[in-house]
Amino acid sequence: MNQTSQEEAVRLRAYQIWQDEGQPDGQDIVHWHRAAQEILAEDGQQQPEMDETEAVTQATTSPQAPPMLSAAQKSRP
């Protein structure tokens, strides 16, 4: 999987995790890190385990909702 498709897979998985957990605020970096670990594991790649604090410190971007999600849907409680 190339880097672009891998990043897209992580973004979509992080969004799915966010939805599955009831769309909590402030967990985007944790969801992104968890999604990245899952995608890497599916690809047979290894990533060192990090605790939540390390994940937050090392994250460089936050996940975004897929393009088909409207602004009204993102702001629903």
Protein backbone atom coordinates (compact mmCIF):
# COMPACT_ATOMS: atom_id res chain seq x y z
CA MET A 1 0.00 0.00 0.00
CA ASN A 2 1.48 3.38 -0.94
CA GLN A 3 1.68 6.20 1.57
CA THR A 4 -1.30 8.11 0.14
CA SER A 5 -3.64 5.14 0.19
CA GLN A 6 -2.35 4.12 3.62
CA GLU A 7 -3.06 7.61 4.99
CA GLU A 8 -6.55 7.51 3.46
CA ALA A 9 -7.16 4.09 5.07
CA VAL A 10 -6.01 5.44 8.45
CA ARG A 11 -8.22 8.52 8.08
CA LEU A 12 -11.28 6.43 7.30
CA ARG A 13 -10.55 3.96 10.11
CA ALA A 14 -10.03 6.80 12.62
CA TYR A 15 -13.37 8.24 11.57
CA GLN A 16 -15.02 4.84 12.02
CA ILE A 17 -13.50 4.51 15.50
CA TRP A 18 -14.78 7.99 16.37
CA GLN A 19 -18.29 7.05 15.24
CA ASP A 20 -18.18 3.69 17.05
CA GLU A 21 -17.23 5.46 20.30
CA GLY A 22 -20.17 7.86 20.08
CA GLN A 23 -18.37 10.79 18.40
CA PRO A 24 -16.56 12.07 21.51
CA ASP A 25 -14.78 15.43 21.35
CA GLY A 26 -11.04 15.66 21.90
CA GLN A 27 -10.13 12.06 21.04
CA ASP A 28 -9.10 12.60 17.42
CA ILE A 29 -5.38 12.04 17.95
CA VAL A 30 -5.98 8.90 19.99
CA HIS A 31 -8.32 7.59 17.29
CA TRP A 32 -5.78 8.45 14.57
CA HIS A 33 -3.00 6.60 16.38
CA ARG A 34 -5.18 3.55 17.02
CA ALA A 35 -6.28 3.50 13.38
CA ALA A 36 -2.67 3.78 12.18
CA GLN A 37 -1.65 0.81 14.34
CA GLU A 38 -4.55 -1.27 13.00
CA ILE A 39 -3.79 -0.41 9.36
CA LEU A 40 -0.08 -1.14 9.80
CA ALA A 41 -0.92 -4.48 11.43
CA GLU A 42 -3.18 -5.36 8.50
CA ASP A 43 -0.32 -4.56 6.12
CA GLY A 44 2.04 -6.76 8.12
CA GLN A 45 4.10 -3.82 9.28
CA GLN A 46 5.16 -3.26 12.86
CA GLN A 47 4.88 -0.03 14.78
CA PRO A 48 6.13 0.24 18.35
CA GLU A 49 3.35 0.42 20.90
CA MET A 50 2.89 3.87 22.41
CA ASP A 51 0.84 4.99 25.32
CA GLU A 52 -1.77 7.70 24.83
CA THR A 53 0.58 10.52 25.90
CA GLU A 54 3.22 9.52 23.35
CA ALA A 55 0.57 9.24 20.64
CA VAL A 56 -0.63 12.76 21.35
CA THR A 57 2.90 14.18 21.38
CA GLN A 58 3.96 12.50 18.16
CA ALA A 59 0.80 13.09 16.14
CA THR A 60 1.28 15.62 13.38
CA THR A 61 -2.17 15.78 11.82
CA SER A 62 -5.69 15.25 13.01
CA PRO A 63 -8.10 13.01 11.17
CA GLN A 64 -10.75 14.63 9.05
CA ALA A 65 -14.19 13.33 8.27
CA PRO A 66 -14.61 11.71 4.86
CA PRO A 67 -15.54 14.21 2.13
CA MET A 68 -19.13 12.94 1.84
CA LEU A 69 -19.91 14.01 5.42
CA SER A 70 -21.69 17.36 5.56
CA ALA A 71 -20.93 20.05 8.12
CA ALA A 72 -24.37 19.52 9.67
CA GLN A 73 -23.61 15.84 10.25
CA LYS A 74 -20.24 16.61 11.84
CA SER A 75 -21.78 18.97 14.37
CA ARG A 76 -24.55 16.63 15.52
CA PRO A 77 -24.41 15.83 19.26
